[in-house]
Each structure stands twice: as structure tokens, then as C-alpha cells.
Amino acid sequence: QVQLVESGGGLVQAGGSLRLSCAASGGTFSGYNMGWFRQAPGKEREFVAAISGSSGRTSYADSVKGRFTISRDNAKNSVYLQMSSLKPEDTAVYYCARGRLFMAPLGTSPSAYDYWGQGTQVTVSS
């Protein structure tokens, strides 16, 4: 059973930075796409960023492009989200997720991911 555990969330002022980490265990990590999603109160879960398990190619939501960077370390079974120039609208619970299929094309829909972490809260004050 794959388990994903996020860490690194917290309270930060607008313009600040945070680095989220997600540690995977219990299954194969290399070769699977990894994604970050977020959900604000009263809103649907939305795509933030994803990184390919095979090519290292990345994809970002327009709202975070140029401010957030996703990376992975297959030796540590971990994926990271470096967030800079944070805005109050970035406030949400952030989830990492593992892709559903091995060596699959990079996906941005939650349906392309089947294992999810418990989430970590990010709060950006104005």
C-alpha cells in the first residue's frame, strides 16, 4: 500500500516562500508521475503542478507558473514544491498524489492520480 506524507506547510506573509515535501513509501516511486494539488475552503481541488516519472517534464497551473517549482528525488522517494512570491489566494490545503499508471503521460486531472497524502495547510497572510 502506497503512503504519501506531506510536510512543510505553515503560515507565511505575502511575498514569502515555503517548501513542501512529500515522502512516499510502500510502493514504486520512480516511473510514476507525481502531482501537487490544493483545495481552499468551499472550492474544488485544483491542479498545481506535476512532474513526469519518466522524463522529468513538468507542468504548472497558470496561476503558479513562474512562482512555484516542482522537483523530485527518486533516490529519496520524495517530491517537492518550492513556493515563492506567495499570495493570499495560495492559501489552501496542499496534497501530493502519485500517478495512476506507470510511465504514463503527464496528467493534470485528479482522476489521473490514485494515491493521495493527507494534506498540509498553507496559509498566506496579507
N, C-alpha and C. Protein backbone atom coordinates (compact mmCIF):
# COMPACT_ATOMS: atom_id res chain seq x y z
N GLN A 1 0.83 -1.18 0.00
CA GLN A 1 0.00 0.00 0.00
C GLN A 1 0.88 1.25 0.00
N VAL A 2 0.66 2.09 -0.96
CA VAL A 2 1.44 3.32 -1.08
C VAL A 2 0.96 4.33 -0.03
N GLN A 3 1.90 4.94 0.64
CA GLN A 3 1.58 6.03 1.58
C GLN A 3 2.36 7.27 1.19
N LEU A 4 1.68 8.40 1.24
CA LEU A 4 2.29 9.69 0.94
C LEU A 4 2.11 10.60 2.14
N VAL A 5 3.18 11.22 2.56
CA VAL A 5 3.13 12.10 3.73
C VAL A 5 3.72 13.45 3.37
N GLU A 6 2.88 14.49 3.43
CA GLU A 6 3.34 15.84 3.13
C GLU A 6 3.84 16.53 4.40
N SER A 7 4.73 17.48 4.20
CA SER A 7 5.21 18.30 5.31
C SER A 7 5.67 19.64 4.74
N GLY A 8 5.87 20.60 5.64
CA GLY A 8 6.42 21.88 5.22
C GLY A 8 5.43 23.02 5.15
N GLY A 9 4.17 22.74 5.37
CA GLY A 9 3.18 23.81 5.35
C GLY A 9 3.31 24.71 6.55
N GLY A 10 2.57 25.81 6.52
CA GLY A 10 2.61 26.74 7.64
C GLY A 10 2.02 28.08 7.28
N LEU A 11 2.28 29.05 8.14
CA LEU A 11 1.80 30.41 7.96
C LEU A 11 2.95 31.28 7.47
N VAL A 12 2.69 32.02 6.41
CA VAL A 12 3.73 32.88 5.84
C VAL A 12 3.09 34.18 5.36
N GLN A 13 3.85 35.25 5.37
CA GLN A 13 3.34 36.52 4.86
C GLN A 13 3.38 36.55 3.35
N ALA A 14 2.52 37.33 2.79
CA ALA A 14 2.51 37.51 1.33
C ALA A 14 3.91 37.92 0.86
N GLY A 15 4.34 37.32 -0.23
CA GLY A 15 5.67 37.57 -0.76
C GLY A 15 6.71 36.60 -0.24
N GLY A 16 6.34 35.81 0.75
CA GLY A 16 7.28 34.86 1.33
C GLY A 16 7.36 33.56 0.55
N SER A 17 8.12 32.62 1.12
CA SER A 17 8.36 31.34 0.46
C SER A 17 8.14 30.18 1.44
N LEU A 18 7.78 29.05 0.87
CA LEU A 18 7.68 27.80 1.61
C LEU A 18 8.12 26.67 0.69
N ARG A 19 8.62 25.60 1.29
CA ARG A 19 8.97 24.41 0.52
C ARG A 19 8.21 23.23 1.11
N LEU A 20 7.35 22.66 0.29
CA LEU A 20 6.61 21.48 0.70
C LEU A 20 7.37 20.23 0.28
N SER A 21 7.29 19.20 1.12
CA SER A 21 7.89 17.92 0.81
C SER A 21 6.84 16.84 0.89
N CYS A 22 7.03 15.80 0.11
CA CYS A 22 6.12 14.64 0.13
C CYS A 22 6.98 13.39 0.06
N ALA A 23 6.90 12.57 1.09
CA ALA A 23 7.67 11.34 1.15
C ALA A 23 6.76 10.16 0.85
N ALA A 24 7.19 9.32 -0.07
CA ALA A 24 6.41 8.15 -0.47
C ALA A 24 7.02 6.89 0.10
N SER A 25 6.16 5.95 0.45
CA SER A 25 6.62 4.66 0.95
C SER A 25 5.62 3.58 0.56
N GLY A 26 6.08 2.35 0.60
CA GLY A 26 5.19 1.22 0.37
C GLY A 26 4.91 0.86 -1.06
N GLY A 27 5.59 1.46 -2.00
CA GLY A 27 5.35 1.13 -3.40
C GLY A 27 6.44 1.69 -4.27
N THR A 28 6.28 1.52 -5.56
CA THR A 28 7.25 2.04 -6.52
C THR A 28 7.07 3.55 -6.68
N PHE A 29 8.16 4.27 -6.71
CA PHE A 29 8.10 5.73 -6.87
C PHE A 29 8.60 6.14 -8.26
N SER A 30 9.79 5.66 -8.58
CA SER A 30 10.36 6.01 -9.88
C SER A 30 9.47 5.47 -11.00
N GLY A 31 9.25 6.28 -12.02
CA GLY A 31 8.43 5.87 -13.15
C GLY A 31 6.98 6.31 -13.05
N TYR A 32 6.59 6.77 -11.88
CA TYR A 32 5.21 7.27 -11.70
C TYR A 32 5.23 8.80 -11.64
N ASN A 33 4.28 9.40 -12.36
CA ASN A 33 4.10 10.84 -12.25
C ASN A 33 3.72 11.19 -10.81
N MET A 34 4.14 12.37 -10.38
CA MET A 34 3.76 12.89 -9.07
C MET A 34 3.16 14.29 -9.27
N GLY A 35 2.13 14.57 -8.51
CA GLY A 35 1.46 15.85 -8.65
C GLY A 35 1.19 16.51 -7.32
N TRP A 36 1.04 17.82 -7.37
CA TRP A 36 0.58 18.61 -6.24
C TRP A 36 -0.75 19.25 -6.61
N PHE A 37 -1.69 19.14 -5.70
CA PHE A 37 -3.00 19.76 -5.85
C PHE A 37 -3.28 20.59 -4.60
N ARG A 38 -4.27 21.45 -4.67
CA ARG A 38 -4.65 22.22 -3.49
C ARG A 38 -6.16 22.41 -3.45
N GLN A 39 -6.65 22.61 -2.25
CA GLN A 39 -8.08 22.82 -2.07
C GLN A 39 -8.30 23.88 -1.00
N ALA A 40 -8.94 24.95 -1.41
CA ALA A 40 -9.30 26.03 -0.50
C ALA A 40 -10.71 25.79 0.03
N PRO A 41 -11.06 26.36 1.16
CA PRO A 41 -12.41 26.16 1.72
C PRO A 41 -13.49 26.56 0.72
N GLY A 42 -14.46 25.66 0.53
CA GLY A 42 -15.57 25.95 -0.35
C GLY A 42 -15.26 25.82 -1.83
N LYS A 43 -14.05 25.38 -2.15
CA LYS A 43 -13.67 25.25 -3.56
C LYS A 43 -13.28 23.82 -3.88
N GLU A 44 -13.30 23.50 -5.15
CA GLU A 44 -12.89 22.17 -5.59
C GLU A 44 -11.37 22.04 -5.55
N ARG A 45 -10.92 20.81 -5.47
CA ARG A 45 -9.48 20.54 -5.51
C ARG A 45 -8.97 20.93 -6.90
N GLU A 46 -7.87 21.64 -6.95
CA GLU A 46 -7.33 22.10 -8.23
C GLU A 46 -5.87 21.70 -8.40
N PHE A 47 -5.52 21.52 -9.65
CA PHE A 47 -4.15 21.16 -10.02
C PHE A 47 -3.20 22.32 -9.76
N VAL A 48 -2.02 22.00 -9.23
CA VAL A 48 -0.98 22.99 -9.01
C VAL A 48 0.23 22.72 -9.90
N ALA A 49 0.79 21.51 -9.80
CA ALA A 49 1.99 21.18 -10.56
C ALA A 49 2.14 19.67 -10.63
N ALA A 50 2.86 19.20 -11.64
CA ALA A 50 3.12 17.77 -11.79
C ALA A 50 4.47 17.57 -12.43
N ILE A 51 5.06 16.41 -12.14
CA ILE A 51 6.35 16.07 -12.72
C ILE A 51 6.31 14.64 -13.21
N SER A 52 6.83 14.43 -14.39
CA SER A 52 6.80 13.11 -15.00
C SER A 52 7.70 12.14 -14.26
N GLY A 53 7.26 10.89 -14.24
CA GLY A 53 8.06 9.84 -13.63
C GLY A 53 9.13 9.30 -14.55
N SER A 54 9.04 9.61 -15.84
CA SER A 54 9.99 9.06 -16.80
C SER A 54 10.92 10.11 -17.37
N SER A 55 10.38 11.25 -17.77
CA SER A 55 11.19 12.25 -18.47
C SER A 55 11.62 13.41 -17.59
N GLY A 56 10.96 13.56 -16.43
CA GLY A 56 11.23 14.72 -15.59
C GLY A 56 10.54 15.97 -16.07
N ARG A 57 9.73 15.83 -17.12
CA ARG A 57 8.99 17.00 -17.63
C ARG A 57 8.02 17.50 -16.56
N THR A 58 7.80 18.80 -16.53
CA THR A 58 6.93 19.40 -15.53
C THR A 58 5.77 20.14 -16.18
N SER A 59 4.73 20.33 -15.39
CA SER A 59 3.56 21.09 -15.83
C SER A 59 3.06 21.89 -14.64
N TYR A 60 2.60 23.12 -14.92
CA TYR A 60 2.14 24.00 -13.86
C TYR A 60 0.80 24.64 -14.22
N ALA A 61 0.01 24.90 -13.19
CA ALA A 61 -1.18 25.72 -13.39
C ALA A 61 -0.74 27.14 -13.72
N ASP A 62 -1.51 27.81 -14.54
CA ASP A 62 -1.16 29.18 -14.92
C ASP A 62 -1.02 30.09 -13.70
N SER A 63 -1.80 29.82 -12.68
CA SER A 63 -1.81 30.69 -11.50
C SER A 63 -0.52 30.63 -10.69
N VAL A 64 0.28 29.58 -10.89
CA VAL A 64 1.52 29.44 -10.11
C VAL A 64 2.76 29.45 -10.99
N LYS A 65 2.59 29.49 -12.28
CA LYS A 65 3.72 29.43 -13.20
C LYS A 65 4.67 30.61 -12.93
N GLY A 66 5.94 30.30 -12.81
CA GLY A 66 6.94 31.33 -12.54
C GLY A 66 7.16 31.58 -11.06
N ARG A 67 6.29 31.06 -10.23
CA ARG A 67 6.43 31.25 -8.77
C ARG A 67 6.71 29.92 -8.05
N PHE A 68 6.17 28.84 -8.56
CA PHE A 68 6.33 27.53 -7.92
C PHE A 68 7.23 26.65 -8.78
N THR A 69 7.98 25.75 -8.13
CA THR A 69 8.82 24.79 -8.84
C THR A 69 8.64 23.41 -8.21
N ILE A 70 8.31 22.45 -9.05
CA ILE A 70 8.19 21.07 -8.58
C ILE A 70 9.47 20.32 -8.94
N SER A 71 9.89 19.44 -8.05
CA SER A 71 11.07 18.62 -8.30
C SER A 71 10.89 17.29 -7.59
N ARG A 72 11.73 16.34 -7.94
CA ARG A 72 11.65 15.03 -7.31
C ARG A 72 13.04 14.47 -7.11
N ASP A 73 13.17 13.60 -6.12
CA ASP A 73 14.41 12.89 -5.84
C ASP A 73 14.04 11.42 -5.74
N ASN A 74 14.27 10.68 -6.80
CA ASN A 74 13.86 9.27 -6.82
C ASN A 74 14.63 8.44 -5.81
N ALA A 75 15.84 8.84 -5.50
CA ALA A 75 16.64 8.10 -4.51
C ALA A 75 16.04 8.21 -3.12
N LYS A 76 15.31 9.31 -2.88
CA LYS A 76 14.68 9.53 -1.58
C LYS A 76 13.18 9.31 -1.62
N ASN A 77 12.67 8.86 -2.76
CA ASN A 77 11.22 8.66 -2.91
C ASN A 77 10.44 9.89 -2.48
N SER A 78 10.90 11.03 -2.94
CA SER A 78 10.29 12.29 -2.49
C SER A 78 10.05 13.24 -3.64
N VAL A 79 9.03 14.05 -3.46
CA VAL A 79 8.72 15.12 -4.40
C VAL A 79 8.57 16.41 -3.58
N TYR A 80 8.95 17.52 -4.20
CA TYR A 80 8.99 18.79 -3.51
C TYR A 80 8.23 19.85 -4.29
N LEU A 81 7.75 20.86 -3.58
CA LEU A 81 7.14 22.01 -4.21
C LEU A 81 7.71 23.26 -3.56
N GLN A 82 8.57 23.95 -4.29
CA GLN A 82 9.14 25.21 -3.82
C GLN A 82 8.19 26.32 -4.22
N MET A 83 7.69 27.04 -3.24
CA MET A 83 6.71 28.10 -3.50
C MET A 83 7.31 29.44 -3.11
N SER A 84 7.31 30.37 -4.05
CA SER A 84 7.86 31.70 -3.81
C SER A 84 6.83 32.75 -4.19
N SER A 85 7.08 33.96 -3.76
CA SER A 85 6.17 35.08 -4.05
C SER A 85 4.72 34.69 -3.73
N LEU A 86 4.54 34.13 -2.57
CA LEU A 86 3.22 33.62 -2.19
C LEU A 86 2.21 34.74 -2.05
N LYS A 87 0.98 34.41 -2.42
CA LYS A 87 -0.12 35.35 -2.37
C LYS A 87 -1.21 34.81 -1.45
N PRO A 88 -2.05 35.67 -0.91
CA PRO A 88 -3.15 35.18 -0.06
C PRO A 88 -4.03 34.15 -0.77
N GLU A 89 -4.19 34.28 -2.07
CA GLU A 89 -5.01 33.32 -2.80
C GLU A 89 -4.37 31.95 -2.95
N ASP A 90 -3.12 31.81 -2.52
CA ASP A 90 -2.47 30.50 -2.49
C ASP A 90 -2.85 29.72 -1.24
N THR A 91 -3.57 30.35 -0.32
CA THR A 91 -3.98 29.68 0.91
C THR A 91 -4.88 28.50 0.60
N ALA A 92 -4.49 27.33 1.10
CA ALA A 92 -5.24 26.10 0.82
C ALA A 92 -4.55 24.94 1.54
N VAL A 93 -5.22 23.80 1.52
CA VAL A 93 -4.57 22.55 1.91
C VAL A 93 -3.94 21.98 0.65
N TYR A 94 -2.66 21.67 0.75
CA TYR A 94 -1.91 21.15 -0.39
C TYR A 94 -1.73 19.65 -0.25
N TYR A 95 -2.02 18.94 -1.34
CA TYR A 95 -1.94 17.48 -1.36
C TYR A 95 -0.94 17.03 -2.42
N CYS A 96 -0.17 16.01 -2.11
CA CYS A 96 0.61 15.37 -3.16
C CYS A 96 -0.10 14.07 -3.54
N ALA A 97 0.17 13.63 -4.75
CA ALA A 97 -0.50 12.45 -5.27
C ALA A 97 0.41 11.72 -6.24
N ARG A 98 0.24 10.40 -6.29
CA ARG A 98 1.01 9.57 -7.23
C ARG A 98 0.14 9.19 -8.41
N GLY A 99 0.72 9.23 -9.58
CA GLY A 99 0.01 8.90 -10.79
C GLY A 99 -0.55 7.49 -10.79
N ARG A 100 -1.65 7.32 -11.51
CA ARG A 100 -2.35 6.03 -11.50
C ARG A 100 -1.62 4.96 -12.29
N LEU A 101 -0.96 5.36 -13.39
CA LEU A 101 -0.34 4.39 -14.29
C LEU A 101 1.16 4.59 -14.38
N PHE A 102 1.89 3.49 -14.52
CA PHE A 102 3.34 3.52 -14.66
C PHE A 102 3.73 4.08 -16.01
N MET A 103 4.69 4.97 -16.05
CA MET A 103 5.23 5.55 -17.28
C MET A 103 4.13 6.19 -18.14
N ALA A 104 3.17 6.82 -17.49
CA ALA A 104 2.04 7.42 -18.20
C ALA A 104 2.37 8.85 -18.63
N PRO A 105 1.62 9.35 -19.61
CA PRO A 105 1.76 10.77 -19.95
C PRO A 105 1.41 11.63 -18.74
N LEU A 106 2.01 12.80 -18.69
CA LEU A 106 1.78 13.69 -17.55
C LEU A 106 0.34 14.16 -17.52
N GLY A 107 -0.33 14.02 -16.38
CA GLY A 107 -1.72 14.40 -16.27
C GLY A 107 -1.92 15.52 -15.27
N THR A 108 -2.98 16.31 -15.49
CA THR A 108 -3.29 17.41 -14.59
C THR A 108 -4.64 17.23 -13.91
N SER A 109 -5.35 16.19 -14.24
CA SER A 109 -6.65 15.94 -13.62
C SER A 109 -6.47 15.07 -12.38
N PRO A 110 -7.25 15.33 -11.31
CA PRO A 110 -7.16 14.47 -10.13
C PRO A 110 -7.43 13.00 -10.45
N SER A 111 -8.20 12.74 -11.49
CA SER A 111 -8.52 11.35 -11.84
C SER A 111 -7.31 10.59 -12.37
N ALA A 112 -6.23 11.31 -12.72
CA ALA A 112 -5.01 10.66 -13.20
C ALA A 112 -4.12 10.18 -12.06
N TYR A 113 -4.57 10.41 -10.82
CA TYR A 113 -3.79 10.07 -9.64
C TYR A 113 -4.63 9.21 -8.72
N ASP A 114 -4.00 8.21 -8.10
CA ASP A 114 -4.80 7.31 -7.28
C ASP A 114 -4.39 7.24 -5.82
N TYR A 115 -3.19 7.66 -5.49
CA TYR A 115 -2.78 7.68 -4.09
C TYR A 115 -2.55 9.13 -3.68
N TRP A 116 -3.09 9.47 -2.51
CA TRP A 116 -3.06 10.85 -2.04
C TRP A 116 -2.55 10.93 -0.60
N GLY A 117 -1.85 12.00 -0.30
CA GLY A 117 -1.46 12.25 1.06
C GLY A 117 -2.61 12.87 1.85
N GLN A 118 -2.35 13.15 3.11
CA GLN A 118 -3.38 13.69 3.99
C GLN A 118 -3.49 15.21 3.88
N GLY A 119 -2.51 15.83 3.27
CA GLY A 119 -2.54 17.27 3.04
C GLY A 119 -1.78 18.04 4.09
N THR A 120 -1.30 19.22 3.70
CA THR A 120 -0.63 20.13 4.61
C THR A 120 -1.16 21.54 4.37
N GLN A 121 -1.47 22.25 5.43
CA GLN A 121 -2.09 23.55 5.33
C GLN A 121 -1.05 24.63 5.02
N VAL A 122 -1.35 25.44 4.03
CA VAL A 122 -0.55 26.62 3.72
C VAL A 122 -1.46 27.84 3.86
N THR A 123 -1.05 28.76 4.70
CA THR A 123 -1.82 29.97 4.92
C THR A 123 -0.92 31.18 4.63
N VAL A 124 -1.37 32.03 3.73
CA VAL A 124 -0.61 33.22 3.35
C VAL A 124 -1.38 34.44 3.82
N SER A 125 -0.77 35.21 4.71
CA SER A 125 -1.43 36.39 5.24
C SER A 125 -1.06 37.62 4.41
N SER A 126 -2.01 38.54 4.35
CA SER A 126 -1.78 39.75 3.54
C SER A 126 -1.13 40.85 4.36
